[in-house]
Protein backbone atom coordinates (compact mmCIF):
# COMPACT_ATOMS: atom_id res chain seq x y z
CA MET A 1 12.77 -14.07 -14.87
CA GLU A 2 11.08 -18.23 -16.34
CA SER A 3 9.32 -18.35 -12.32
CA LEU A 4 7.59 -15.15 -13.28
CA LEU A 5 6.52 -14.62 -17.06
CA GLY A 6 6.99 -18.51 -18.02
CA ALA A 7 9.32 -19.55 -20.68
CA SER A 8 8.77 -17.98 -23.73
CA LEU A 9 6.96 -14.13 -24.34
CA ARG A 10 5.45 -12.93 -27.32
CA SER A 11 6.89 -10.57 -30.11
CA CYS A 12 4.97 -8.13 -30.71
CA SER A 13 7.16 -5.82 -32.79
CA SER A 14 6.56 -6.12 -36.45
CA GLY A 15 9.69 -7.53 -37.12
CA GLY A 16 8.87 -10.79 -35.28
CA GLY A 17 5.42 -11.84 -36.41
CA GLY A 18 4.00 -12.68 -33.52
CA SER A 19 6.70 -15.62 -32.94
CA LEU A 20 7.83 -17.11 -29.25
CA LEU A 21 10.83 -15.74 -27.88
CA SER A 22 12.62 -17.32 -24.73
CA THR A 23 12.44 -15.21 -21.70
CA ALA A 24 15.08 -15.57 -20.08
CA SER A 25 17.19 -14.25 -23.12
CA ALA A 26 14.91 -11.13 -24.19
CA LEU A 27 14.93 -10.18 -21.03
CA ALA A 28 19.03 -11.00 -20.12
CA GLY A 29 20.69 -7.55 -18.47
CA LYS A 30 18.12 -5.49 -18.76
CA THR A 31 15.76 -3.33 -16.98
CA VAL A 32 11.97 -4.73 -17.21
CA GLY A 33 8.48 -3.03 -17.22
CA LEU A 34 6.08 -5.31 -16.40
CA TYR A 35 2.68 -3.40 -17.98
CA PHE A 36 -0.47 -4.74 -16.86
CA SER A 37 -3.00 -2.99 -19.10
CA ALA A 38 -6.22 -3.80 -21.55
CA HIS A 39 -8.03 -2.63 -25.01
CA TRP A 40 -11.34 -1.53 -22.70
CA CYS A 41 -9.55 0.40 -20.68
CA PRO A 42 -9.72 4.18 -21.24
CA PRO A 43 -6.59 5.07 -19.15
CA CYS A 44 -4.68 3.27 -20.32
CA ARG A 45 -5.02 3.86 -24.22
CA GLN A 46 -4.16 7.35 -23.23
CA PHE A 47 -0.80 5.85 -21.77
CA THR A 48 0.41 2.80 -24.01
CA PRO A 49 1.09 5.57 -26.64
CA VAL A 50 3.24 7.85 -24.37
CA LEU A 51 5.01 4.77 -22.86
CA SER A 52 5.68 3.51 -26.81
CA SER A 53 6.96 6.59 -27.69
CA ILE A 54 9.48 6.20 -24.41
CA TYR A 55 10.67 2.89 -25.01
CA SER A 56 11.02 3.44 -28.47
CA GLN A 57 13.37 6.22 -27.69
CA LEU A 58 15.52 4.23 -25.38
CA VAL A 59 15.91 1.36 -27.55
CA GLU A 60 17.19 3.42 -30.18
CA ILE A 61 19.75 4.77 -28.25
CA GLY A 62 20.46 1.22 -26.82
CA LYS A 63 19.31 1.63 -23.23
CA PRO A 64 18.49 -1.77 -21.84
CA PHE A 65 15.19 -1.40 -21.56
CA GLU A 66 12.63 -3.85 -22.17
CA ILE A 67 8.63 -4.33 -21.69
CA VAL A 68 6.45 -7.02 -21.32
CA PHE A 69 2.58 -6.66 -21.63
CA ILE A 70 0.38 -8.29 -19.02
CA SER A 71 -3.11 -8.10 -20.30
CA SER A 72 -6.43 -7.90 -19.11
CA ASP A 73 -8.19 -8.46 -21.95
CA LYS A 74 -11.69 -10.25 -21.51
CA SER A 75 -11.16 -11.96 -25.11
CA GLU A 76 -7.77 -13.39 -27.45
CA GLU A 77 -9.22 -10.90 -30.14
CA GLN A 78 -9.01 -7.84 -28.17
CA TYR A 79 -5.80 -8.97 -26.64
CA ASN A 80 -4.54 -9.18 -30.39
CA GLU A 81 -5.83 -5.55 -31.37
CA TYR A 82 -4.51 -4.19 -28.59
CA LEU A 83 -0.83 -6.01 -29.28
CA ALA A 84 -0.61 -4.50 -32.60
CA GLU A 85 0.00 -0.86 -31.06
CA MET A 86 2.69 -1.84 -29.12
CA PRO A 87 6.60 -2.75 -30.14
CA TRP A 88 7.33 -4.62 -26.89
CA LEU A 89 7.05 -8.34 -25.67
CA ALA A 90 3.90 -10.08 -24.11
CA VAL A 91 3.30 -12.93 -21.77
CA PRO A 92 0.81 -15.11 -23.84
CA TYR A 93 -3.21 -14.19 -23.65
CA ALA A 94 -3.64 -18.32 -22.49
CA ALA A 95 -1.15 -17.74 -19.93
CA ARG A 96 -3.94 -16.54 -17.42
CA ASP A 97 -2.12 -18.20 -14.79
CA VAL A 98 0.89 -16.28 -15.05
CA LYS A 99 -0.98 -13.10 -15.79
CA ASP A 100 -3.09 -14.14 -12.13
CA ALA A 101 -0.07 -14.57 -10.09
CA LEU A 102 1.82 -11.49 -11.38
CA SER A 103 -1.32 -9.44 -10.17
CA LYS A 104 -1.47 -10.79 -6.57
CA LYS A 105 2.51 -11.10 -6.52
CA TYR A 106 2.66 -6.92 -7.35
CA LYS A 107 -0.92 -6.49 -5.36
CA VAL A 108 -2.16 -4.63 -8.79
CA SER A 109 -5.80 -3.37 -7.78
CA GLY A 110 -5.94 -1.17 -10.91
CA ILE A 111 -4.45 -0.59 -14.15
CA PRO A 112 -2.92 0.76 -16.13
CA SER A 113 0.20 0.19 -14.06
CA LEU A 114 3.57 -0.11 -14.74
CA VAL A 115 6.39 -2.59 -12.42
CA LEU A 116 9.77 -2.17 -12.97
CA VAL A 117 11.93 -4.64 -11.85
CA ASP A 118 15.41 -6.32 -12.66
CA GLY A 119 15.90 -8.75 -15.75
CA ASP A 120 17.98 -10.69 -14.27
CA THR A 121 17.21 -11.22 -10.47
CA GLY A 122 12.99 -10.37 -11.26
CA ASN A 123 14.18 -8.37 -8.06
CA THR A 124 11.60 -5.28 -7.87
CA ILE A 125 13.52 -1.47 -8.98
CA ASN A 126 10.10 0.54 -8.60
CA PRO A 127 6.66 -1.11 -7.69
CA GLN A 128 4.64 1.91 -9.19
CA ALA A 129 6.72 3.05 -11.70
CA ARG A 130 3.69 4.73 -14.33
CA GLY A 131 4.03 8.19 -12.50
CA ALA A 132 7.64 8.57 -12.71
CA VAL A 133 8.32 7.57 -16.47
CA ALA A 134 4.90 9.69 -17.26
CA SER A 135 6.59 13.03 -15.60
CA GLU A 136 10.47 12.38 -16.47
CA GLY A 137 9.96 10.36 -20.02
CA ALA A 138 13.22 8.82 -21.12
CA GLU A 139 15.55 11.36 -19.35
CA GLY A 140 14.45 9.78 -16.16
CA PHE A 141 15.61 5.97 -17.05
CA PRO A 142 16.05 3.80 -15.30
CA TRP A 143 13.67 5.40 -13.18
CA LYS A 144 14.53 4.46 -9.51
CA PRO A 145 12.32 5.17 -7.27
CA LEU A 146 13.81 7.91 -4.20
CA GLU A 147 15.12 6.19 -0.34
CA VAL A 148 13.12 8.11 2.20
CA ALA A 149 16.11 9.87 3.17
CA GLU A 150 16.15 11.30 -0.72
CA ALA A 151 12.75 12.41 -1.40
CA LEU A 152 12.63 13.89 2.69
CA GLY A 153 15.89 15.83 2.73
CA PRO A 154 18.12 17.27 2.25
CA ASN A 155 16.27 20.70 3.83
CA LEU A 156 13.13 21.31 5.06
CA VAL A 157 11.16 24.70 5.30
CA LYS A 158 9.24 26.35 7.78
CA ALA A 159 6.77 28.51 7.54
CA ASP A 160 8.70 31.81 8.40
CA GLY A 161 11.34 30.63 5.51
CA THR A 162 14.04 29.17 7.75
CA THR A 163 15.49 25.92 6.35
CA THR A 164 16.47 22.65 8.36
CA ALA A 165 18.64 20.55 7.34
CA LEU A 166 16.79 16.44 7.57
CA ALA A 167 20.24 15.37 9.32
CA ASP A 168 19.55 17.63 11.80
CA LEU A 169 16.53 16.16 13.21
CA GLN A 170 17.64 13.19 12.75
CA ALA A 171 20.12 13.56 15.23
CA ARG A 172 17.59 14.69 17.75
CA LYS A 173 17.24 10.93 18.29
CA GLY A 174 13.13 11.13 18.15
CA HIS A 175 10.57 10.15 15.41
CA PHE A 176 9.12 11.61 12.28
CA GLY A 177 5.58 11.93 11.52
CA VAL A 178 5.14 12.24 7.40
CA TYR A 179 2.17 14.34 7.38
CA PHE A 180 0.21 13.94 3.76
CA SER A 181 -2.16 16.73 3.43
CA ALA A 182 -3.46 19.58 1.80
CA SER A 183 -5.31 23.05 2.37
CA TRP A 184 -8.67 21.91 0.04
CA CYS A 185 -9.23 19.04 2.52
CA GLY A 186 -12.04 18.63 4.84
CA PRO A 187 -10.69 16.09 6.60
CA CYS A 188 -6.84 17.07 6.73
CA ARG A 189 -8.10 20.65 8.27
CA SER A 190 -10.04 19.05 10.90
CA PHE A 191 -6.76 16.67 11.69
CA THR A 192 -4.01 19.41 11.72
CA PRO A 193 -5.34 21.33 14.88
CA LYS A 194 -5.06 17.55 16.86
CA LEU A 195 -2.20 16.48 15.54
CA VAL A 196 -0.13 20.54 16.28
CA GLU A 197 -1.62 19.89 19.75
CA ALA A 198 0.07 16.15 20.04
CA TYR A 199 3.13 18.04 18.53
CA ASN A 200 3.60 20.66 20.87
CA LYS A 201 2.71 18.38 23.71
CA LEU A 202 4.96 15.68 23.09
CA ASN A 203 8.03 18.48 22.59
CA LYS A 204 7.17 20.35 25.40
CA ASN A 205 7.61 17.11 27.59
CA ASN A 206 10.60 16.61 26.28
CA GLN A 207 9.67 13.58 23.69
CA PRO A 208 10.96 14.65 20.41
CA PHE A 209 8.67 14.79 17.63
CA ASP A 210 8.94 16.18 14.18
CA ILE A 211 6.33 16.41 11.18
CA VAL A 212 7.00 16.98 7.72
CA LEU A 213 3.87 18.08 5.81
CA VAL A 214 4.20 16.60 2.36
CA SER A 215 1.72 18.76 0.07
CA SER A 216 -1.35 17.82 -2.10
CA ASP A 217 -1.77 21.55 -2.76
CA ARG A 218 -1.45 22.69 -6.18
CA ASP A 219 0.02 25.94 -5.94
CA LYS A 220 2.20 28.10 -3.50
CA LYS A 221 -0.06 30.48 -2.21
CA SER A 222 -2.15 27.65 -0.82
CA PHE A 223 1.15 26.30 0.48
CA ASP A 224 2.17 28.60 2.29
CA GLU A 225 -1.41 29.88 3.93
CA TYR A 226 -1.71 25.95 5.28
CA LEU A 227 2.06 25.60 6.27
CA GLY A 228 1.22 28.82 8.10
CA HIS A 229 -1.25 26.74 10.44
CA MET A 230 2.12 24.55 11.44
CA PRO A 231 4.78 24.63 13.69
CA TRP A 232 6.74 21.91 11.66
CA HIS A 233 8.70 21.68 8.75
CA ALA A 234 7.48 20.64 5.19
CA VAL A 235 9.08 19.27 1.65
CA PRO A 236 9.84 22.87 0.34
CA PHE A 237 6.60 23.47 -2.39
CA ASP A 238 9.18 25.46 -4.91
CA ASP A 239 11.69 22.89 -4.74
CA ALA A 240 12.63 22.21 -8.24
CA ASN A 241 12.35 18.41 -7.69
CA PHE A 242 8.93 19.11 -5.50
CA GLY A 243 6.82 17.12 -7.79
CA LYS A 244 9.35 14.19 -7.65
CA ARG A 245 10.19 13.86 -3.75
CA THR A 246 6.11 14.20 -2.96
CA GLY A 247 5.30 11.69 -5.55
CA ALA A 248 8.43 9.07 -4.18
CA LEU A 249 6.94 9.53 -0.74
CA SER A 250 3.75 8.68 -1.86
CA GLU A 251 4.57 5.79 -3.86
CA LYS A 252 6.84 4.56 -1.23
CA PHE A 253 3.95 4.35 2.07
CA GLU A 254 1.75 3.48 -1.16
CA VAL A 255 -0.82 6.60 0.44
CA GLN A 256 -4.28 6.61 -1.79
CA GLY A 257 -5.87 9.41 0.22
CA ILE A 258 -5.33 12.58 2.44
CA PRO A 259 -5.11 13.24 5.53
CA ARG A 260 -2.46 10.55 6.41
CA LEU A 261 0.75 10.64 8.89
CA VAL A 262 2.96 8.16 8.78
CA ILE A 263 5.51 7.30 12.04
CA LEU A 264 8.93 6.95 11.55
CA ASP A 265 12.19 6.30 14.03
CA SER A 266 14.96 8.77 13.57
CA ASP A 267 16.40 6.09 11.04
CA LEU A 268 13.97 6.31 9.00
CA ASN A 269 12.29 3.04 9.29
CA VAL A 270 8.49 2.64 9.54
CA VAL A 271 6.86 2.62 13.37
CA ARG A 272 3.49 2.71 11.70
CA SER A 273 1.72 3.32 8.63
CA ASP A 274 -1.41 5.57 9.38
CA ALA A 275 -1.45 6.90 13.05
CA ARG A 276 -3.63 9.34 12.61
CA GLY A 277 -6.57 7.14 14.36
CA ALA A 278 -4.34 6.36 16.90
CA VAL A 279 -3.61 10.05 17.45
CA MET A 280 -7.14 10.94 17.50
CA LYS A 281 -7.85 8.55 20.26
CA ASP A 282 -5.17 9.24 22.37
CA GLU A 283 -5.65 12.90 23.91
CA ASP A 284 -2.35 13.11 26.91
CA CYS A 285 -0.49 11.65 23.65
CA SER A 286 0.56 8.59 26.09
CA ASN A 287 0.57 6.00 23.61
CA PHE A 288 3.34 7.69 21.34
CA PRO A 289 4.99 6.40 19.33
CA TRP A 290 1.68 4.93 18.60
CA HIS A 291 3.23 1.58 17.63
CA PRO A 292 0.40 -0.51 15.95
CA PRO A 293 -1.36 -3.26 18.48
CA ALA A 294 -1.26 -6.35 17.97
CA VAL A 295 -4.99 -6.42 17.77
CA ALA A 296 -5.96 -3.41 16.36
CA ASP A 297 -9.63 -1.47 15.89
CA VAL A 298 -10.88 -2.15 12.30
CA ASP A 299 -12.54 1.32 12.78
CA GLU A 300 -9.38 3.34 13.52
CA ASN A 301 -8.01 2.07 10.45
CA PRO A 302 -9.43 -0.16 7.67
CA GLU A 303 -7.69 0.11 5.41
CA PRO A 304 -5.30 -3.30 6.06
CA LEU A 305 -8.37 -5.46 5.27
CA ASN A 306 -7.56 -4.97 2.21
CA GLU A 307 -4.64 -5.63 1.72
CA VAL A 308 -2.91 -8.78 4.08
CA PRO A 309 -5.28 -11.94 5.42
CA CYS A 310 -7.08 -10.79 8.62
CA LEU A 311 -8.82 -12.86 11.94
CA VAL A 312 -11.52 -10.61 12.94
CA ALA A 313 -13.35 -10.48 16.10
CA LEU A 314 -17.00 -8.77 15.85
CA VAL A 315 -18.04 -7.97 19.68
CA GLU A 316 -20.48 -5.23 18.96
CA GLU A 317 -23.18 -7.10 21.68
CA VAL A 318 -20.87 -8.11 24.52
CA ASP A 319 -19.57 -5.60 27.61
CA GLU A 320 -16.28 -3.39 27.41
CA ALA A 321 -15.08 -6.07 29.89
CA GLU A 322 -15.70 -9.17 27.71
CA GLN A 323 -14.24 -7.19 24.63
CA LYS A 324 -11.56 -6.66 26.46
CA ALA A 325 -11.36 -10.76 27.10
CA VAL A 326 -11.27 -10.84 23.30
CA GLN A 327 -8.86 -8.72 22.52
CA ASP A 328 -6.64 -10.27 25.23
CA ALA A 329 -6.80 -14.12 23.70
CA LEU A 330 -6.58 -12.61 20.15
CA THR A 331 -3.04 -10.66 21.74
CA ALA A 332 -2.27 -14.35 23.22
CA ILE A 333 -2.68 -15.98 19.37
CA ALA A 334 -0.51 -12.69 17.90
CA THR A 335 1.84 -12.66 19.93
CA SER A 336 2.93 -16.21 20.36
CA SER A 337 6.69 -17.10 20.69
CA SER A 338 6.26 -18.69 17.31
CA GLY A 339 5.12 -15.89 15.51
CA LYS A 340 1.76 -14.71 13.90
CA PRO A 341 0.24 -17.50 11.98
CA LYS A 342 1.08 -17.88 8.02
CA ASP A 343 0.10 -19.59 4.79
CA ALA A 344 2.02 -21.52 2.65
CA ASP A 345 2.86 -18.51 0.68
CA GLY A 346 4.44 -16.81 3.60
CA ARG A 347 1.24 -14.23 4.82
CA GLU A 348 1.01 -13.40 8.26
CA LEU A 349 -2.35 -13.58 9.54
CA HIS A 350 -3.42 -10.00 11.02
CA PHE A 351 -5.69 -9.79 13.98
CA PHE A 352 -8.63 -7.13 14.65
CA PHE A 353 -11.52 -6.44 16.59
CA ALA A 354 -14.34 -4.84 15.42
CA ALA A 355 -16.74 -2.85 18.69
CA GLU A 356 -18.54 0.16 17.18
CA ASP A 357 -22.52 -0.86 15.78
CA GLY A 358 -22.71 0.23 12.75
CA GLY A 359 -18.74 0.46 11.41
CA ILE A 360 -16.47 -1.01 9.55
CA GLY A 361 -17.79 -4.35 11.49
CA SER A 362 -21.51 -4.07 9.86
CA GLN A 363 -19.68 -3.96 6.47
CA ILE A 364 -17.96 -7.11 7.35
CA ARG A 365 -21.00 -8.98 8.28
CA ARG A 366 -22.69 -8.07 5.07
CA ILE A 367 -19.98 -9.46 3.14
CA ALA A 368 -19.28 -12.59 5.10
CA LYS A 369 -22.78 -13.24 5.60
CA VAL A 370 -22.59 -13.78 9.02
CA GLY A 371 -25.75 -11.94 10.20
CA LYS A 372 -26.84 -9.55 12.63
CA PRO A 373 -25.19 -9.53 15.91
CA LYS A 374 -26.62 -11.68 18.75
CA GLN A 375 -26.71 -10.29 22.57
CA GLY A 376 -23.36 -11.73 24.49
CA LYS A 377 -21.97 -13.56 21.37
CA VAL A 378 -18.41 -12.76 19.34
CA ASP A 379 -18.41 -13.71 16.10
CA LEU A 380 -14.98 -14.82 14.48
CA VAL A 381 -14.68 -14.10 10.14
CA LEU A 382 -11.58 -14.30 8.54
CA LEU A 383 -11.05 -11.71 5.80
CA ASP A 384 -8.58 -12.69 2.76
CA LEU A 385 -10.07 -9.34 0.17
CA GLU A 386 -6.86 -10.13 -1.62
CA ASN A 387 -8.59 -13.11 -3.25
CA SER A 388 -11.75 -12.02 -2.57
CA GLN A 389 -12.93 -14.79 -0.07
CA THR A 390 -14.29 -14.93 3.70
CA CYS A 391 -14.22 -17.63 6.24
CA THR A 392 -16.42 -17.85 9.14
CA GLY A 393 -15.11 -19.26 12.30
CA GLY A 394 -17.95 -19.58 14.60
CA SER A 395 -19.64 -17.39 17.21
CA GLY A 396 -19.25 -18.02 20.92
CA THR A 397 -19.05 -15.94 24.58
CA ALA A 398 -16.10 -14.28 25.13
CA GLU A 399 -15.02 -17.14 27.54
CA GLU A 400 -15.26 -19.21 24.35
CA VAL A 401 -13.54 -17.43 21.59
CA GLY A 402 -10.18 -17.98 22.46
CA LYS A 403 -10.69 -21.41 21.61
CA LEU A 404 -12.36 -20.73 18.74
CA ALA A 405 -10.14 -18.53 17.39
CA GLU A 406 -7.26 -20.78 17.95
CA THR A 407 -8.49 -23.23 15.27
CA LEU A 408 -9.79 -20.36 13.34
CA ALA A 409 -6.19 -18.88 13.25
CA ALA A 410 -4.34 -22.39 12.85
CA SER A 411 -6.85 -24.00 10.19
CA PHE A 412 -5.55 -20.35 7.85
CA ALA A 413 -1.62 -21.81 8.56
CA ASP A 414 -2.12 -25.31 7.43
CA GLY A 415 -4.67 -24.45 4.30
CA SER A 416 -8.15 -26.32 5.77
CA ALA A 417 -9.89 -23.42 6.03
CA THR A 418 -12.99 -23.41 4.22
CA PHE A 419 -13.21 -19.87 1.98
CA THR A 420 -16.11 -18.64 0.49
CA SER A 421 -15.42 -16.24 -3.02
CA LEU A 422 -16.73 -13.01 -2.91
CA ARG A 423 -16.66 -13.07 -6.47
CA SER A 424 -19.75 -15.78 -7.24
């Protein structure tokens, strides 16, 4: 834990007087909540008293639980004022490098955020524990998230009320679609008929494909009405653990918005984390089960751009044959026998192209300051939005881009790429 939090933590308890304690000694044998919060954040100030009450209940009955406050406060004065309201430990305010490293490691993009880790090993127990802690209270300790099979099963329901065991569906040795959707969601209601067509077509052709609706509807009447338009199963709305099950699935697959379609194999391993765009573009289902391509279209699924380092080829002003040549060149790099390029932190470089005029590519051009597309030219950009930085990789014809992309990918891997911060 010292490698994560530093050698010392500040005591926040009234009896601790703000003294420094050994990180290893203070956290040994405990479940530890890393609490990312700030004095200026209204949701944080609402959640902190709830968390404090739960913490006190658990400590009082001797549960091995500790919390470490990781501050996003803008001054040490704010930090100290907020700290006075807390009964647990904290990373010292001066250790901003520790705070930044933790935010990066756990991909904290908003606060409050609560990450549970093992106090001995530092292994993650629950990367998004705030919801579980708030809904389950002290009784839910240590808030270990449900596994996918636990959250989906054991039984699923159809619109006519019949139930099927998850294990029976797995025995078909096909694929699953975990469909996050709701009746009140306009894009969901547009996508659902397309998904029904794909589902029926695949099963008619003896390609086992089962879908499980994970509903965000707010009442059973809406749930039942919406499920009535679907030929597949759902996590039962009237299950006593419906909220816990659906919440666990949303957290497991990092669902930020709907509709979202996650494809799993029969062992419930992820095949594709967001297949909605692939389904929409594959009318005859010839690409089922929609494995992610080595080089993806940013307009089909832009979400990874915010999460992983990406090399993007902007190909709006070259013809289809040249676009194909660029994709082939990037595919050769992405599928090299040596594997995808990785940086010193072990992060893999992912590959994309942007062909749609006015689509996501135009946004990439704007933030990377590449300029407008030129006829017959392809522009290359490295995006590292996790660290709020970009790197331009030059411009060339479709024939020239292969070498340019190799050079750019190599510079990412060896650390020589010259990035420009988006914060300036």
